[in-house]
C-alpha cells in the first residue's frame, strides 16, 4: 500500500527539531520511531497517532479522527486522522504534539536480547 508522500513531508518538517527519529516501512505505510518507540505513522492518506489512551475518547470527537482498527479490532491508544482533521499546520501540530507528549511516557516495544 502506498502512503502519502505529501503527508510524510509535512510530518518530517514538524519533527525536524527532534534528533532521535527513525523512519521505518511498517504496516504497508511509514512509521516514525522516536526514542525507539512507535510515535506517528502514515497509512494511505491518514496519519496514525499513538496517544495517551486516557485521551482517546475525547479526541475521537475531533474532525477527521477515528479509532485505529488496522487489525480488525480497535487499538487502545491509537487513532487515525484523515485530511479533514489536519488541513492547517496548526491542526497537524496539535496531533503531532499529542503523539510527542505520550512518547515521553510510552513503553518501548524494542526487544531486549536474552542473556545466555
PDB file of N, CA and C in Angstrom:
ATOM      1  N   UNK A   1       0.847  -1.176   0.000  1.00  0.00           N
ATOM      2  CA  UNK A   1       0.000   0.000   0.000  1.00  0.00           C
ATOM      3  C   UNK A   1       0.897   1.246   0.000  1.00  0.00           C
ATOM      4  N   UNK A   2       0.616   2.135  -0.861  1.00  0.00           N
ATOM      5  CA  UNK A   2       1.364   3.394  -0.916  1.00  0.00           C
ATOM      6  C   UNK A   2       0.878   4.323   0.184  1.00  0.00           C
ATOM      7  N   UNK A   3       1.742   5.224   0.593  1.00  0.00           N
ATOM      8  CA  UNK A   3       1.352   6.206   1.602  1.00  0.00           C
ATOM      9  C   UNK A   3       1.585   7.605   1.044  1.00  0.00           C
ATOM     10  N   UNK A   4       0.940   8.568   1.631  1.00  0.00           N
ATOM     11  CA  UNK A   4       1.005   9.944   1.168  1.00  0.00           C
ATOM     12  C   UNK A   4       2.394  10.547   1.404  1.00  0.00           C
ATOM     13  N   UNK A   5       3.124  10.778   0.328  1.00  0.00           N
ATOM     14  CA  UNK A   5       4.441  11.419   0.411  1.00  0.00           C
ATOM     15  C   UNK A   5       4.291  12.853   0.921  1.00  0.00           C
ATOM     16  N   UNK A   6       3.210  13.505   0.529  1.00  0.00           N
ATOM     17  CA  UNK A   6       2.965  14.884   0.979  1.00  0.00           C
ATOM     18  C   UNK A   6       2.811  14.934   2.495  1.00  0.00           C
ATOM     19  N   UNK A   7       2.051  14.002   3.050  1.00  0.00           N
ATOM     20  CA  UNK A   7       1.884  13.947   4.497  1.00  0.00           C
ATOM     21  C   UNK A   7       3.220  13.624   5.167  1.00  0.00           C
ATOM     22  N   UNK A   8       3.991  12.740   4.568  1.00  0.00           N
ATOM     23  CA  UNK A   8       5.308  12.421   5.104  1.00  0.00           C
ATOM     24  C   UNK A   8       6.193  13.652   5.199  1.00  0.00           C
ATOM     25  N   UNK A   9       6.150  14.479   4.166  1.00  0.00           N
ATOM     26  CA  UNK A   9       6.941  15.719   4.159  1.00  0.00           C
ATOM     27  C   UNK A   9       6.480  16.661   5.266  1.00  0.00           C
ATOM     28  N   UNK A  10       5.168  16.785   5.433  1.00  0.00           N
ATOM     29  CA  UNK A  10       4.623  17.668   6.480  1.00  0.00           C
ATOM     30  C   UNK A  10       5.055  17.199   7.871  1.00  0.00           C
ATOM     31  N   UNK A  11       5.017  15.890   8.092  1.00  0.00           N
ATOM     32  CA  UNK A  11       5.416  15.353   9.393  1.00  0.00           C
ATOM     33  C   UNK A  11       6.914  15.560   9.618  1.00  0.00           C
ATOM     34  N   UNK A  12       7.723  15.264   8.606  1.00  0.00           N
ATOM     35  CA  UNK A  12       9.178  15.469   8.733  1.00  0.00           C
ATOM     36  C   UNK A  12       9.502  16.911   9.113  1.00  0.00           C
ATOM     37  N   UNK A  13       8.837  17.858   8.473  1.00  0.00           N
ATOM     38  CA  UNK A  13       9.073  19.268   8.786  1.00  0.00           C
ATOM     39  C   UNK A  13       8.681  19.578  10.232  1.00  0.00           C
ATOM     40  N   UNK A  14       7.590  18.975  10.697  1.00  0.00           N
ATOM     41  CA  UNK A  14       7.098  19.258  12.050  1.00  0.00           C
ATOM     42  C   UNK A  14       7.989  18.653  13.136  1.00  0.00           C
ATOM     43  N   UNK A  15       8.699  17.573  12.815  1.00  0.00           N
ATOM     44  CA  UNK A  15       9.540  16.925  13.834  1.00  0.00           C
ATOM     45  C   UNK A  15      11.033  17.096  13.537  1.00  0.00           C
ATOM     46  N   UNK A  16      11.362  18.007  12.652  1.00  0.00           N
ATOM     47  CA  UNK A  16      12.767  18.224  12.261  1.00  0.00           C
ATOM     48  C   UNK A  16      13.657  18.591  13.441  1.00  0.00           C
ATOM     49  N   UNK A  17      13.093  19.169  14.479  1.00  0.00           N
ATOM     50  CA  UNK A  17      13.866  19.580  15.652  1.00  0.00           C
ATOM     51  C   UNK A  17      14.222  18.417  16.579  1.00  0.00           C
ATOM     52  N   UNK A  18      13.704  17.238  16.314  1.00  0.00           N
ATOM     53  CA  UNK A  18      13.942  16.069  17.165  1.00  0.00           C
ATOM     54  C   UNK A  18      15.092  15.262  16.578  1.00  0.00           C
ATOM     55  N   UNK A  19      16.046  14.891  17.414  1.00  0.00           N
ATOM     56  CA  UNK A  19      17.240  14.214  16.907  1.00  0.00           C
ATOM     57  C   UNK A  19      17.091  12.698  16.787  1.00  0.00           C
ATOM     58  N   UNK A  20      16.337  12.068  17.659  1.00  0.00           N
ATOM     59  CA  UNK A  20      16.264  10.602  17.655  1.00  0.00           C
ATOM     60  C   UNK A  20      15.023  10.101  16.917  1.00  0.00           C
ATOM     61  N   UNK A  21      15.015  10.312  15.587  1.00  0.00           N
ATOM     62  CA  UNK A  21      13.899   9.880  14.751  1.00  0.00           C
ATOM     63  C   UNK A  21      14.405   8.850  13.747  1.00  0.00           C
ATOM     64  N   UNK A  22      13.676   7.764  13.635  1.00  0.00           N
ATOM     65  CA  UNK A  22      13.998   6.745  12.641  1.00  0.00           C
ATOM     66  C   UNK A  22      12.722   6.447  11.855  1.00  0.00           C
ATOM     67  N   UNK A  23      12.833   6.428  10.543  1.00  0.00           N
ATOM     68  CA  UNK A  23      11.685   6.099   9.699  1.00  0.00           C
ATOM     69  C   UNK A  23      11.767   4.630   9.324  1.00  0.00           C
ATOM     70  N   UNK A  24      10.635   3.939   9.431  1.00  0.00           N
ATOM     71  CA  UNK A  24      10.575   2.515   9.096  1.00  0.00           C
ATOM     72  C   UNK A  24       9.341   2.237   8.256  1.00  0.00           C
ATOM     73  N   UNK A  25       9.522   1.426   7.233  1.00  0.00           N
ATOM     74  CA  UNK A  25       8.373   0.937   6.486  1.00  0.00           C
ATOM     75  C   UNK A  25       7.690  -0.088   7.381  1.00  0.00           C
ATOM     76  N   UNK A  26       6.394   0.124   7.633  1.00  0.00           N
ATOM     77  CA  UNK A  26       5.673  -0.746   8.551  1.00  0.00           C
ATOM     78  C   UNK A  26       4.185  -0.675   8.254  1.00  0.00           C
ATOM     79  N   UNK A  27       3.499  -1.782   8.382  1.00  0.00           N
ATOM     80  CA  UNK A  27       2.042  -1.855   8.206  1.00  0.00           C
ATOM     81  C   UNK A  27       1.604  -1.325   6.839  1.00  0.00           C
ATOM     82  N   UNK A  28       2.419  -1.504   5.826  1.00  0.00           N
ATOM     83  CA  UNK A  28       2.060  -1.022   4.498  1.00  0.00           C
ATOM     84  C   UNK A  28       2.178   0.477   4.357  1.00  0.00           C
ATOM     85  N   UNK A  29       2.796   1.109   5.308  1.00  0.00           N
ATOM     86  CA  UNK A  29       2.953   2.558   5.282  1.00  0.00           C
ATOM     87  C   UNK A  29       4.319   2.957   5.806  1.00  0.00           C
ATOM     88  N   UNK A  30       4.366   4.067   6.492  1.00  0.00           N
ATOM     89  CA  UNK A  30       5.608   4.593   7.041  1.00  0.00           C
ATOM     90  C   UNK A  30       5.384   4.928   8.508  1.00  0.00           C
ATOM     91  N   UNK A  31       6.337   4.535   9.344  1.00  0.00           N
ATOM     92  CA  UNK A  31       6.254   4.817  10.769  1.00  0.00           C
ATOM     93  C   UNK A  31       7.443   5.651  11.196  1.00  0.00           C
ATOM     94  N   UNK A  32       7.184   6.649  12.020  1.00  0.00           N
ATOM     95  CA  UNK A  32       8.230   7.483  12.598  1.00  0.00           C
ATOM     96  C   UNK A  32       8.450   6.990  14.022  1.00  0.00           C
ATOM     97  N   UNK A  33       9.621   6.400  14.244  1.00  0.00           N
ATOM     98  CA  UNK A  33      10.007   5.921  15.559  1.00  0.00           C
ATOM     99  C   UNK A  33      10.780   7.055  16.234  1.00  0.00           C
ATOM    100  N   UNK A  34      10.387   7.392  17.430  1.00  0.00           N
ATOM    101  CA  UNK A  34      11.084   8.430  18.186  1.00  0.00           C
ATOM    102  C   UNK A  34      11.494   7.817  19.516  1.00  0.00           C
ATOM    103  N   UNK A  35      12.779   7.914  19.825  1.00  0.00           N
ATOM    104  CA  UNK A  35      13.342   7.282  21.026  1.00  0.00           C
ATOM    105  C   UNK A  35      13.051   5.783  21.042  1.00  0.00           C
ATOM    106  N   UNK A  36      13.174   5.153  19.865  1.00  0.00           N
ATOM    107  CA  UNK A  36      12.941   3.709  19.693  1.00  0.00           C
ATOM    108  C   UNK A  36      11.507   3.281  19.993  1.00  0.00           C
ATOM    109  N   UNK A  37      10.553   4.221  19.899  1.00  0.00           N
ATOM    110  CA  UNK A  37       9.151   3.898  20.141  1.00  0.00           C
ATOM    111  C   UNK A  37       8.301   4.383  18.979  1.00  0.00           C
ATOM    112  N   UNK A  38       7.330   3.552  18.570  1.00  0.00           N
ATOM    113  CA  UNK A  38       6.412   3.969  17.528  1.00  0.00           C
ATOM    114  C   UNK A  38       5.670   5.205  18.019  1.00  0.00           C
ATOM    115  N   UNK A  39       5.651   6.254  17.184  1.00  0.00           N
ATOM    116  CA  UNK A  39       5.064   7.517  17.617  1.00  0.00           C
ATOM    117  C   UNK A  39       3.998   8.017  16.638  1.00  0.00           C
ATOM    118  N   UNK A  40       4.377   8.133  15.370  1.00  0.00           N
ATOM    119  CA  UNK A  40       3.499   8.671  14.332  1.00  0.00           C
ATOM    120  C   UNK A  40       3.655   7.786  13.108  1.00  0.00           C
ATOM    121  N   UNK A  41       2.591   7.637  12.353  1.00  0.00           N
ATOM    122  CA  UNK A  41       2.695   6.839  11.138  1.00  0.00           C
ATOM    123  C   UNK A  41       1.798   7.373  10.046  1.00  0.00           C
ATOM    124  N   UNK A  42       1.990   6.817   8.875  1.00  0.00           N
ATOM    125  CA  UNK A  42       1.137   7.143   7.732  1.00  0.00           C
ATOM    126  C   UNK A  42       0.674   5.834   7.123  1.00  0.00           C
ATOM    127  N   UNK A  43      -0.622   5.696   6.998  1.00  0.00           N
ATOM    128  CA  UNK A  43      -1.218   4.551   6.313  1.00  0.00           C
ATOM    129  C   UNK A  43      -2.156   5.138   5.273  1.00  0.00           C
ATOM    130  N   UNK A  44      -1.820   4.959   4.014  1.00  0.00           N
ATOM    131  CA  UNK A  44      -2.594   5.586   2.947  1.00  0.00           C
ATOM    132  C   UNK A  44      -2.464   7.094   3.033  1.00  0.00           C
ATOM    133  N   UNK A  45      -3.596   7.768   3.170  1.00  0.00           N
ATOM    134  CA  UNK A  45      -3.613   9.229   3.297  1.00  0.00           C
ATOM    135  C   UNK A  45      -3.889   9.677   4.730  1.00  0.00           C
ATOM    136  N   UNK A  46      -3.878   8.747   5.659  1.00  0.00           N
ATOM    137  CA  UNK A  46      -4.194   9.080   7.049  1.00  0.00           C
ATOM    138  C   UNK A  46      -2.946   9.040   7.921  1.00  0.00           C
ATOM    139  N   UNK A  47      -2.982   9.839   8.983  1.00  0.00           N
ATOM    140  CA  UNK A  47      -1.901   9.831   9.956  1.00  0.00           C
ATOM    141  C   UNK A  47      -2.310   8.963  11.137  1.00  0.00           C
ATOM    142  N   UNK A  48      -1.440   8.033  11.488  1.00  0.00           N
ATOM    143  CA  UNK A  48      -1.646   7.198  12.654  1.00  0.00           C
ATOM    144  C   UNK A  48      -0.981   7.897  13.834  1.00  0.00           C
ATOM    145  N   UNK A  49      -1.735   8.077  14.906  1.00  0.00           N
ATOM    146  CA  UNK A  49      -1.228   8.774  16.083  1.00  0.00           C
ATOM    147  C   UNK A  49      -1.270   7.849  17.291  1.00  0.00           C
ATOM    148  N   UNK A  50      -0.115   7.685  17.934  1.00  0.00           N
ATOM    149  CA  UNK A  50      -0.056   6.949  19.199  1.00  0.00           C
ATOM    150  C   UNK A  50      -0.166   7.987  20.304  1.00  0.00           C
ATOM    151  N   UNK A  51      -1.278   7.921  21.015  1.00  0.00           N
ATOM    152  CA  UNK A  51      -1.585   8.939  22.024  1.00  0.00           C
ATOM    153  C   UNK A  51      -1.860   8.287  23.376  1.00  0.00           C
ATOM    154  N   UNK A  52      -1.969   9.121  24.383  1.00  0.00           N
ATOM    155  CA  UNK A  52      -2.334   8.655  25.715  1.00  0.00           C
ATOM    156  C   UNK A  52      -3.718   8.006  25.631  1.00  0.00           C
ATOM    157  N   UNK A  53      -3.840   6.739  25.997  1.00  0.00           N
ATOM    158  CA  UNK A  53      -5.147   6.078  25.927  1.00  0.00           C
ATOM    159  C   UNK A  53      -6.241   6.810  26.701  1.00  0.00           C
ATOM    160  N   UNK A  54      -5.884   7.552  27.746  1.00  0.00           N
ATOM    161  CA  UNK A  54      -6.872   8.294  28.530  1.00  0.00           C
ATOM    162  C   UNK A  54      -7.513   9.419  27.724  1.00  0.00           C
ATOM    163  N   UNK A  55      -6.863   9.849  26.648  1.00  0.00           N
ATOM    164  CA  UNK A  55      -7.392  10.931  25.810  1.00  0.00           C
ATOM    165  C   UNK A  55      -8.196  10.431  24.609  1.00  0.00           C
ATOM    166  N   UNK A  56      -8.185   9.142  24.395  1.00  0.00           N
ATOM    167  CA  UNK A  56      -8.762   8.589  23.168  1.00  0.00           C
ATOM    168  C   UNK A  56     -10.214   8.984  22.947  1.00  0.00           C
ATOM    169  N   UNK A  57     -11.058   8.818  23.923  1.00  0.00           N
ATOM    170  CA  UNK A  57     -12.485   9.133  23.738  1.00  0.00           C
ATOM    171  C   UNK A  57     -12.686  10.613  23.413  1.00  0.00           C
ATOM    172  N   UNK A  58     -11.913  11.479  24.033  1.00  0.00           N
ATOM    173  CA  UNK A  58     -12.026  12.921  23.798  1.00  0.00           C
ATOM    174  C   UNK A  58     -11.622  13.288  22.381  1.00  0.00           C
ATOM    175  N   UNK A  59     -10.501  12.758  21.912  1.00  0.00           N
ATOM    176  CA  UNK A  59     -10.023  13.145  20.574  1.00  0.00           C
ATOM    177  C   UNK A  59     -10.865  12.531  19.462  1.00  0.00           C
ATOM    178  N   UNK A  60     -11.551  11.443  19.753  1.00  0.00           N
ATOM    179  CA  UNK A  60     -12.406  10.832  18.728  1.00  0.00           C
ATOM    180  C   UNK A  60     -13.550  11.760  18.314  1.00  0.00           C
ATOM    181  N   UNK A  61     -13.832  12.759  19.116  1.00  0.00           N
ATOM    182  CA  UNK A  61     -14.871  13.731  18.780  1.00  0.00           C
ATOM    183  C   UNK A  61     -14.372  14.793  17.805  1.00  0.00           C
ATOM    184  N   UNK A  62     -13.066  14.855  17.576  1.00  0.00           N
ATOM    185  CA  UNK A  62     -12.486  15.865  16.686  1.00  0.00           C
ATOM    186  C   UNK A  62     -12.692  15.482  15.224  1.00  0.00           C
ATOM    187  N   UNK A  63     -12.799  16.485  14.382  1.00  0.00           N
ATOM    188  CA  UNK A  63     -12.988  16.291  12.945  1.00  0.00           C
ATOM    189  C   UNK A  63     -11.870  15.434  12.366  1.00  0.00           C
ATOM    190  N   UNK A  64     -12.256  14.454  11.579  1.00  0.00           N
ATOM    191  CA  UNK A  64     -11.297  13.627  10.859  1.00  0.00           C
ATOM    192  C   UNK A  64     -10.668  12.510  11.654  1.00  0.00           C
ATOM    193  N   UNK A  65     -11.013  12.377  12.927  1.00  0.00           N
ATOM    194  CA  UNK A  65     -10.393  11.373  13.793  1.00  0.00           C
ATOM    195  C   UNK A  65     -11.290  10.144  13.911  1.00  0.00           C
ATOM    196  N   UNK A  66     -10.663   8.990  13.855  1.00  0.00           N
ATOM    197  CA  UNK A  66     -11.389   7.727  14.048  1.00  0.00           C
ATOM    198  C   UNK A  66     -10.475   6.754  14.784  1.00  0.00           C
ATOM    199  N   UNK A  67     -11.080   5.741  15.349  1.00  0.00           N
ATOM    200  CA  UNK A  67     -10.327   4.719  16.055  1.00  0.00           C
ATOM    201  C   UNK A  67      -9.466   3.942  15.051  1.00  0.00           C
ATOM    202  N   UNK A  68      -8.291   3.552  15.470  1.00  0.00           N
ATOM    203  CA  UNK A  68      -7.456   2.709  14.611  1.00  0.00           C
ATOM    204  C   UNK A  68      -7.914   1.273  14.788  1.00  0.00           C
ATOM    205  N   UNK A  69      -8.312   0.657  13.698  1.00  0.00           N
ATOM    206  CA  UNK A  69      -8.763  -0.733  13.739  1.00  0.00           C
ATOM    207  C   UNK A  69      -8.074  -1.534  12.640  1.00  0.00           C
ATOM    208  N   UNK A  70      -6.796  -1.281  12.513  1.00  0.00           N
ATOM    209  CA  UNK A  70      -5.988  -1.889  11.453  1.00  0.00           C
ATOM    210  C   UNK A  70      -6.069  -3.411  11.466  1.00  0.00           C
ATOM    211  N   UNK A  71      -6.135  -4.007  12.630  1.00  0.00           N
ATOM    212  CA  UNK A  71      -6.165  -5.462  12.750  1.00  0.00           C
ATOM    213  C   UNK A  71      -7.588  -6.012  12.784  1.00  0.00           C
ATOM    214  N   UNK A  72      -8.582  -5.139  12.614  1.00  0.00           N
ATOM    215  CA  UNK A  72      -9.968  -5.574  12.668  1.00  0.00           C
ATOM    216  C   UNK A  72     -10.600  -5.355  14.035  1.00  0.00           C
ATOM    217  N   UNK A  73      -9.782  -4.967  15.006  1.00  0.00           N
ATOM    218  CA  UNK A  73     -10.324  -4.638  16.319  1.00  0.00           C
ATOM    219  C   UNK A  73      -9.729  -3.309  16.756  1.00  0.00           C
ATOM    220  N   UNK A  74     -10.474  -2.532  17.546  1.00  0.00           N
ATOM    221  CA  UNK A  74      -9.979  -1.223  17.989  1.00  0.00           C
ATOM    222  C   UNK A  74      -8.679  -1.362  18.777  1.00  0.00           C
ATOM    223  N   UNK A  75      -7.767  -0.440  18.531  1.00  0.00           N
ATOM    224  CA  UNK A  75      -6.485  -0.457  19.228  1.00  0.00           C
ATOM    225  C   UNK A  75      -6.440   0.717  20.211  1.00  0.00           C
ATOM    226  N   UNK A  76      -6.371   0.413  21.473  1.00  0.00           N
ATOM    227  CA  UNK A  76      -6.362   1.436  22.521  1.00  0.00           C
ATOM    228  C   UNK A  76      -5.077   2.265  22.427  1.00  0.00           C
ATOM    229  N   UNK A  77      -5.259   3.586  22.437  1.00  0.00           N
ATOM    230  CA  UNK A  77      -4.113   4.484  22.389  1.00  0.00           C
ATOM    231  C   UNK A  77      -3.649   4.822  20.982  1.00  0.00           C
ATOM    232  N   UNK A  78      -4.380   4.364  19.980  1.00  0.00           N
ATOM    233  CA  UNK A  78      -4.045   4.663  18.588  1.00  0.00           C
ATOM    234  C   UNK A  78      -5.280   5.198  17.868  1.00  0.00           C
ATOM    235  N   UNK A  79      -5.110   6.306  17.166  1.00  0.00           N
ATOM    236  CA  UNK A  79      -6.184   6.849  16.347  1.00  0.00           C
ATOM    237  C   UNK A  79      -5.645   7.177  14.963  1.00  0.00           C
ATOM    238  N   UNK A  80      -6.550   7.264  14.022  1.00  0.00           N
ATOM    239  CA  UNK A  80      -6.229   7.656  12.659  1.00  0.00           C
ATOM    240  C   UNK A  80      -6.847   9.029  12.422  1.00  0.00           C
ATOM    241  N   UNK A  81      -6.096   9.889  11.753  1.00  0.00           N
ATOM    242  CA  UNK A  81      -6.583  11.234  11.459  1.00  0.00           C
ATOM    243  C   UNK A  81      -6.540  11.436   9.951  1.00  0.00           C
ATOM    244  N   UNK A  82      -7.698  11.736   9.387  1.00  0.00           N
ATOM    245  CA  UNK A  82      -7.798  11.996   7.962  1.00  0.00           C
ATOM    246  C   UNK A  82      -7.477  13.446   7.637  1.00  0.00           C
ATOM    247  N   UNK A  83      -7.403  13.733   6.360  1.00  0.00           N
ATOM    248  CA  UNK A  83      -7.043  15.074   5.889  1.00  0.00           C
ATOM    249  C   UNK A  83      -7.930  16.163   6.482  1.00  0.00           C
ATOM    250  N   UNK A  84      -9.210  15.883   6.662  1.00  0.00           N
ATOM    251  CA  UNK A  84     -10.116  16.909   7.189  1.00  0.00           C
ATOM    252  C   UNK A  84      -9.766  17.334   8.610  1.00  0.00           C
ATOM    253  N   UNK A  85      -8.983  16.527   9.318  1.00  0.00           N
ATOM    254  CA  UNK A  85      -8.608  16.856  10.684  1.00  0.00           C
ATOM    255  C   UNK A  85      -7.233  17.471  10.829  1.00  0.00           C
ATOM    256  N   UNK A  86      -6.539  17.654   9.682  1.00  0.00           N
ATOM    257  CA  UNK A  86      -5.183  18.210   9.764  1.00  0.00           C
ATOM    258  C   UNK A  86      -4.855  19.060   8.534  1.00  0.00           C
ATOM    259  N   UNK A  87      -5.848  19.806   8.095  1.00  0.00           N
ATOM    260  CA  UNK A  87      -5.654  20.663   6.918  1.00  0.00           C
ATOM    261  C   UNK A  87      -4.636  21.759   7.179  1.00  0.00           C
ATOM    262  N   UNK A  88      -4.718  22.391   8.328  1.00  0.00           N
ATOM    263  CA  UNK A  88      -3.812  23.500   8.627  1.00  0.00           C
ATOM    264  C   UNK A  88      -2.573  22.996   9.362  1.00  0.00           C
ATOM    265  N   UNK A  89      -1.538  23.813   9.356  1.00  0.00           N
ATOM    266  CA  UNK A  89      -0.320  23.491  10.096  1.00  0.00           C
ATOM    267  C   UNK A  89      -0.640  23.389  11.583  1.00  0.00           C
ATOM    268  N   UNK A  90      -1.516  24.259  12.061  1.00  0.00           N
ATOM    269  CA  UNK A  90      -1.914  24.258  13.474  1.00  0.00           C
ATOM    270  C   UNK A  90      -2.584  22.934  13.862  1.00  0.00           C
ATOM    271  N   UNK A  91      -3.469  22.436  13.005  1.00  0.00           N
ATOM    272  CA  UNK A  91      -4.144  21.171  13.290  1.00  0.00           C
ATOM    273  C   UNK A  91      -3.145  20.013  13.281  1.00  0.00           C
ATOM    274  N   UNK A  92      -2.261  19.990  12.295  1.00  0.00           N
ATOM    275  CA  UNK A  92      -1.241  18.937  12.226  1.00  0.00           C
ATOM    276  C   UNK A  92      -0.370  18.980  13.476  1.00  0.00           C
ATOM    277  N   UNK A  93       0.028  20.172  13.885  1.00  0.00           N
ATOM    278  CA  UNK A  93       0.873  20.340  15.073  1.00  0.00           C
ATOM    279  C   UNK A  93       0.168  19.836  16.327  1.00  0.00           C
ATOM    280  N   UNK A  94      -1.133  20.052  16.419  1.00  0.00           N
ATOM    281  CA  UNK A  94      -1.906  19.553  17.560  1.00  0.00           C
ATOM    282  C   UNK A  94      -1.722  18.042  17.700  1.00  0.00           C
ATOM    283  N   UNK A  95      -1.930  17.319  16.602  1.00  0.00           N
ATOM    284  CA  UNK A  95      -1.838  15.862  16.635  1.00  0.00           C
ATOM    285  C   UNK A  95      -0.412  15.399  16.914  1.00  0.00           C
ATOM    286  N   UNK A  96       0.540  16.023  16.285  1.00  0.00           N
ATOM    287  CA  UNK A  96       1.932  15.631  16.499  1.00  0.00           C
ATOM    288  C   UNK A  96       2.336  15.881  17.949  1.00  0.00           C
ATOM    289  N   UNK A  97       1.901  16.989  18.523  1.00  0.00           N
ATOM    290  CA  UNK A  97       2.217  17.262  19.920  1.00  0.00           C
ATOM    291  C   UNK A  97       1.599  16.235  20.865  1.00  0.00           C
ATOM    292  N   UNK A  98       0.385  15.755  20.560  1.00  0.00           N
ATOM    293  CA  UNK A  98      -0.210  14.691  21.371  1.00  0.00           C
ATOM    294  C   UNK A  98       0.662  13.442  21.326  1.00  0.00           C
ATOM    295  N   UNK A  99       1.147  13.121  20.140  1.00  0.00           N
ATOM    296  CA  UNK A  99       1.999  11.941  19.968  1.00  0.00           C
ATOM    297  C   UNK A  99       3.326  12.112  20.708  1.00  0.00           C
ATOM    298  N   UNK A 100       3.944  13.264  20.550  1.00  0.00           N
ATOM    299  CA  UNK A 100       5.236  13.512  21.190  1.00  0.00           C
ATOM    300  C   UNK A 100       5.112  13.525  22.708  1.00  0.00           C
ATOM    301  N   UNK A 101       4.027  14.079  23.222  1.00  0.00           N
ATOM    302  CA  UNK A 101       3.811  14.110  24.662  1.00  0.00           C
ATOM    303  C   UNK A 101       3.704  12.698  25.217  1.00  0.00           C
ATOM    304  N   UNK A 102       2.926  11.846  24.556  1.00  0.00           N
ATOM    305  CA  UNK A 102       2.770  10.478  25.047  1.00  0.00           C
ATOM    306  C   UNK A 102       4.048   9.681  24.852  1.00  0.00           C
ATOM    307  N   UNK A 103       4.808   9.976  23.812  1.00  0.00           N
ATOM    308  CA  UNK A 103       6.042   9.244  23.533  1.00  0.00           C
ATOM    309  C   UNK A 103       7.007   9.300  24.714  1.00  0.00           C
ATOM    310  N   UNK A 104       6.997  10.390  25.432  1.00  0.00           N
ATOM    311  CA  UNK A 104       7.886  10.534  26.593  1.00  0.00           C
ATOM    312  C   UNK A 104       7.564   9.499  27.668  1.00  0.00           C
ATOM    313  N   UNK A 105       6.301   9.079  27.746  1.00  0.00           N
ATOM    314  CA  UNK A 105       5.851   8.156  28.794  1.00  0.00           C
ATOM    315  C   UNK A 105       5.596   6.742  28.280  1.00  0.00           C
ATOM    316  N   UNK A 106       5.518   6.588  26.966  1.00  0.00           N
ATOM    317  CA  UNK A 106       5.187   5.287  26.378  1.00  0.00           C
ATOM    318  C   UNK A 106       6.315   4.287  26.607  1.00  0.00           C
ATOM    319  N   UNK A 107       5.930   3.049  26.698  1.00  0.00           N
ATOM    320  CA  UNK A 107       6.929   1.993  26.837  1.00  0.00           C
ATOM    321  C   UNK A 107       7.448   1.603  25.457  1.00  0.00           C
ATOM    322  N   UNK A 108       8.715   1.329  25.409  1.00  0.00           N
ATOM    323  CA  UNK A 108       9.319   0.895  24.157  1.00  0.00           C
ATOM    324  C   UNK A 108       8.967  -0.560  23.914  1.00  0.00           C
ATOM    325  N   UNK A 109       8.700  -0.893  22.676  1.00  0.00           N
ATOM    326  CA  UNK A 109       8.440  -2.293  22.352  1.00  0.00           C
ATOM    327  C   UNK A 109       9.704  -2.942  21.790  1.00  0.00           C
ATOM    328  N   UNK A 110      10.819  -2.240  21.934  1.00  0.00           N
ATOM    329  CA  UNK A 110      12.102  -2.746  21.444  1.00  0.00           C
ATOM    330  C   UNK A 110      12.417  -4.041  22.204  1.00  0.00           C
ATOM    331  N   UNK A 111      12.724  -5.076  21.433  1.00  0.00           N
ATOM    332  CA  UNK A 111      13.005  -6.365  22.051  1.00  0.00           C
ATOM    333  C   UNK A 111      14.382  -6.349  22.679  1.00  0.00           C
ATOM    334  N   UNK A 112      14.428  -6.867  23.885  1.00  0.00           N
ATOM    335  CA  UNK A 112      15.687  -6.949  24.608  1.00  0.00           C
ATOM    336  C   UNK A 112      16.343  -8.284  24.283  1.00  0.00           C
ATOM    337  N   UNK A 113      17.646  -8.257  24.164  1.00  0.00           N
ATOM    338  CA  UNK A 113      18.345  -9.517  23.885  1.00  0.00           C
ATOM    339  C   UNK A 113      18.349 -10.371  25.125  1.00  0.00           C
ATOM    340  N   UNK A 114      18.222 -11.659  24.899  1.00  0.00           N
ATOM    341  CA  UNK A 114      18.214 -12.613  26.016  1.00  0.00           C
ATOM    342  C   UNK A 114      19.646 -12.923  26.424  1.00  0.00           C
ATOM    343  N   UNK A 115      19.866 -12.961  27.736  1.00  0.00           N
ATOM    344  CA  UNK A 115      21.182 -13.330  28.246  1.00  0.00           C
ATOM    345  C   UNK A 115      21.309 -14.833  28.211  1.00  0.00           C
ATOM    346  N   UNK A 116      22.477 -15.267  27.887  1.00  0.00           N
ATOM    347  CA  UNK A 116      22.690 -16.728  27.820  1.00  0.00           C
ATOM    348  C   UNK A 116      23.329 -17.256  29.056  1.00  0.00           C
TER     349      UNK A 116
END
